[in-house]
Amino acid sequence: MANDLDDWFAREILAHEPALMRYLLRWWPHRDDAADLRQEIYIRVYETSAAALPAHPKSLLFTTARNLMTDRWRRSRVVPLEALGEIDAPQLPVDEITPDRRLAAQRELRSLVRAFDRLPPQRRKVLWLRRVEELSIKQIAERMGITPKTAENHLALATRAITAMVLGGSDCPLPPALAHYEEGHGEQR
């Protein structure tokens, strides 16, 4: 069985090594890690395939690559406690969440949600994709079928409108410069 698996692996997985390396070099920011990533991907694919050969080996290979890069990226954002060193508790400022602060935060969040909901649909979507899903302007433009310049304009106008509504209250009208765009002048929706 191991020999059959090895033959299958060489034929169905290793055949995609050039494409896999291009994919890793394109999407992984640390080019020096690409060879190590490739080996770990191969190990994961081999171990998964030992139980049952996948129907779509190339899909398994690239899905494994994407998942591994995602895992490594997430781990790189976590700061280990050891890196913080020893922290003396008396040096830390006490920042308690009091009921008043919690209530104020809830009000601010409700105000932000109301302002977000008042945005025109395309601006709301651009703002969501940029700030929540962390897509680039180019990715947003491609996803929405608009130009990058239009996506930038939507983002700028959405950010200004939200700021104006939150700082001025959720019932305040849009500033005149932004209200002009609400009427459909000068911009594609």
Protein backbone atom coordinates (compact mmCIF):
# COMPACT_ATOMS: atom_id res chain seq x y z
CA MET A 1 0.00 0.00 0.00
CA ALA A 2 2.82 2.45 0.91
CA ASN A 3 4.43 1.90 -2.49
CA ASP A 4 1.08 2.56 -4.22
CA LEU A 5 0.66 5.70 -2.14
CA ASP A 6 4.19 6.83 -2.99
CA ASP A 7 3.56 6.30 -6.71
CA TRP A 8 0.25 8.14 -6.50
CA PHE A 9 1.88 10.99 -4.55
CA ALA A 10 4.66 11.41 -7.11
CA ARG A 11 2.21 11.29 -10.01
CA GLU A 12 -0.66 13.41 -8.60
CA ILE A 13 0.99 15.78 -6.11
CA LEU A 14 4.66 16.25 -6.92
CA ALA A 15 3.70 16.95 -10.54
CA HIS A 16 2.25 20.28 -9.31
CA GLU A 17 5.40 21.42 -7.50
CA PRO A 18 6.22 24.31 -9.89
CA ALA A 19 2.67 25.68 -9.61
CA LEU A 20 2.71 25.20 -5.84
CA MET A 21 5.99 27.11 -5.49
CA ARG A 22 4.67 29.97 -7.67
CA TYR A 23 1.57 30.08 -5.46
CA LEU A 24 3.61 30.13 -2.23
CA LEU A 25 6.03 32.77 -3.53
CA ARG A 26 3.14 34.93 -4.65
CA TRP A 27 1.09 34.80 -1.48
CA TRP A 28 3.52 34.13 1.38
CA PRO A 29 5.38 37.30 2.46
CA HIS A 30 8.46 35.44 3.73
CA ARG A 31 10.04 33.97 0.59
CA ASP A 32 12.72 32.19 2.63
CA ASP A 33 10.02 30.02 4.24
CA ALA A 34 8.56 28.77 0.94
CA ALA A 35 10.57 25.53 0.85
CA ASP A 36 9.65 24.72 4.47
CA LEU A 37 6.00 25.47 3.74
CA ARG A 38 6.11 23.20 0.71
CA GLN A 39 7.49 20.31 2.79
CA GLU A 40 4.87 20.77 5.49
CA ILE A 41 2.14 20.87 2.83
CA TYR A 42 3.47 17.63 1.35
CA ILE A 43 3.46 15.97 4.77
CA ARG A 44 -0.13 17.03 5.44
CA VAL A 45 -1.33 15.91 2.01
CA TYR A 46 0.51 12.58 2.30
CA GLU A 47 -0.92 11.85 5.75
CA THR A 48 -4.43 12.82 4.65
CA SER A 49 -4.17 10.69 1.53
CA ALA A 50 -2.93 7.65 3.47
CA ALA A 51 -6.44 7.17 4.87
CA ALA A 52 -8.17 7.52 1.50
CA LEU A 53 -7.01 8.90 -1.82
CA PRO A 54 -8.76 12.20 -2.58
CA ALA A 55 -10.96 12.55 -5.63
CA HIS A 56 -9.32 15.90 -6.50
CA PRO A 57 -5.65 15.79 -5.47
CA LYS A 58 -4.70 19.18 -6.93
CA SER A 59 -7.53 20.86 -5.01
CA LEU A 60 -6.40 19.13 -1.82
CA LEU A 61 -2.84 20.34 -2.42
CA PHE A 62 -3.75 24.00 -2.89
CA THR A 63 -6.40 24.00 -0.14
CA THR A 64 -3.82 22.56 2.23
CA ALA A 65 -1.36 25.27 1.15
CA ARG A 66 -3.90 28.03 1.75
CA ASN A 67 -4.89 26.61 5.14
CA LEU A 68 -1.28 26.24 6.25
CA MET A 69 -0.45 29.83 5.26
CA THR A 70 -3.56 31.03 7.12
CA ASP A 71 -2.57 29.06 10.23
CA ARG A 72 0.97 30.41 10.16
CA TRP A 73 -0.23 33.96 9.57
CA ARG A 74 -2.61 33.74 12.54
CA ARG A 75 0.10 32.29 14.77
CA SER A 76 2.49 35.05 13.77
CA ARG A 77 0.02 37.66 15.00
CA VAL A 78 -0.15 36.11 18.49
CA VAL A 79 2.46 37.37 20.91
CA PRO A 80 3.64 34.58 23.20
CA LEU A 81 3.50 35.36 26.90
CA GLU A 82 7.21 34.59 27.22
CA ALA A 83 7.96 37.48 24.86
CA LEU A 84 6.34 39.88 27.27
CA GLY A 85 8.85 39.00 29.97
CA GLU A 86 8.05 39.33 33.59
CA ILE A 87 5.52 42.01 34.28
CA ASP A 88 5.05 43.30 37.77
CA ALA A 89 1.38 43.80 38.54
CA PRO A 90 1.85 47.07 40.45
CA GLN A 91 3.26 48.71 37.30
CA LEU A 92 0.12 48.00 35.28
CA PRO A 93 -2.53 50.72 35.29
CA VAL A 94 -5.87 49.57 36.56
CA ASP A 95 -8.47 50.14 33.87
CA GLU A 96 -11.72 48.79 35.19
CA ILE A 97 -14.81 48.45 33.09
CA THR A 98 -17.41 50.14 35.20
CA PRO A 99 -21.15 49.95 34.48
CA ASP A 100 -21.04 53.57 33.26
CA ARG A 101 -18.23 52.82 30.81
CA ARG A 102 -20.01 49.70 29.58
CA LEU A 103 -23.22 51.69 28.99
CA ALA A 104 -21.31 54.44 27.16
CA ALA A 105 -19.61 51.84 24.95
CA GLN A 106 -22.98 50.23 24.13
CA ARG A 107 -24.39 53.64 23.16
CA GLU A 108 -21.40 54.35 20.93
CA LEU A 109 -21.76 50.97 19.26
CA ARG A 110 -25.49 51.50 18.64
CA SER A 111 -24.71 54.92 17.17
CA LEU A 112 -22.09 53.40 14.90
CA VAL A 113 -24.46 50.65 13.75
CA ARG A 114 -27.22 53.19 12.97
CA ALA A 115 -24.75 55.32 10.99
CA PHE A 116 -23.47 52.24 9.12
CA ASP A 117 -27.04 51.19 8.28
CA ARG A 118 -27.80 54.66 6.85
CA LEU A 119 -25.01 54.41 4.27
CA PRO A 120 -25.95 53.68 0.67
CA PRO A 121 -25.57 49.94 -0.07
CA GLN A 122 -22.39 50.17 -2.16
CA ARG A 123 -20.61 52.43 0.32
CA ARG A 124 -21.67 50.18 3.16
CA LYS A 125 -20.31 47.15 1.30
CA VAL A 126 -16.99 48.85 0.43
CA LEU A 127 -16.53 49.96 4.05
CA TRP A 128 -17.32 46.44 5.32
CA LEU A 129 -14.96 44.75 2.88
CA ARG A 130 -12.13 47.16 3.71
CA ARG A 131 -12.45 47.52 7.48
CA VAL A 132 -13.90 44.16 8.52
CA GLU A 133 -12.74 41.70 5.87
CA GLU A 134 -9.50 43.68 5.38
CA LEU A 135 -9.52 43.45 1.57
CA SER A 136 -7.39 45.80 -0.50
CA ILE A 137 -8.99 48.48 -2.65
CA LYS A 138 -8.06 46.44 -5.74
CA GLN A 139 -9.70 43.30 -4.33
CA ILE A 140 -12.83 45.27 -3.41
CA ALA A 141 -13.03 46.77 -6.90
CA GLU A 142 -12.69 43.35 -8.51
CA ARG A 143 -15.27 41.78 -6.22
CA MET A 144 -17.80 44.56 -6.77
CA GLY A 145 -17.12 45.12 -10.47
CA ILE A 146 -16.15 48.78 -10.05
CA THR A 147 -12.95 50.70 -10.65
CA PRO A 148 -10.40 51.05 -7.83
CA LYS A 149 -10.93 54.84 -7.94
CA THR A 150 -14.67 54.37 -7.39
CA ALA A 151 -13.96 51.97 -4.52
CA GLU A 152 -11.62 54.58 -2.97
CA ASN A 153 -14.29 57.26 -3.34
CA HIS A 154 -16.92 55.05 -1.74
CA LEU A 155 -14.58 54.29 1.16
CA ALA A 156 -13.68 57.95 1.72
CA LEU A 157 -17.29 59.10 1.56
CA ALA A 158 -18.50 56.26 3.79
CA THR A 159 -15.82 57.04 6.37
CA ARG A 160 -16.64 60.76 6.36
CA ALA A 161 -20.38 60.11 6.56
CA ILE A 162 -20.03 57.68 9.46
CA THR A 163 -17.76 60.10 11.30
CA ALA A 164 -20.19 62.98 10.77
CA MET A 165 -23.19 60.92 11.84
CA VAL A 166 -21.51 59.44 14.92
CA LEU A 167 -20.01 62.72 16.09
CA GLY A 168 -23.12 64.71 15.22
CA GLY A 169 -25.61 62.11 16.43
CA SER A 170 -27.32 59.36 14.48
CA ASP A 171 -30.20 61.59 13.44
CA CYS A 172 -28.08 64.39 12.04
CA PRO A 173 -28.23 64.87 8.29
CA LEU A 174 -25.19 64.21 6.19
CA PRO A 175 -22.83 67.15 5.73
CA PRO A 176 -23.65 69.20 2.60
CA ALA A 177 -20.56 67.96 0.74
CA LEU A 178 -21.66 64.37 1.30
CA ALA A 179 -25.36 64.99 0.75
CA HIS A 180 -24.44 66.16 -2.76
CA TYR A 181 -23.30 62.61 -3.53
CA GLU A 182 -26.43 61.12 -2.02
CA GLU A 183 -28.37 62.81 -4.81
CA GLY A 184 -26.31 60.83 -7.34
CA HIS A 185 -24.12 63.71 -8.58
CA GLY A 186 -20.57 63.01 -9.60
CA GLU A 187 -20.30 59.38 -8.58
CA GLN A 188 -21.28 55.91 -9.66
CA ARG A 189 -23.19 54.00 -7.02
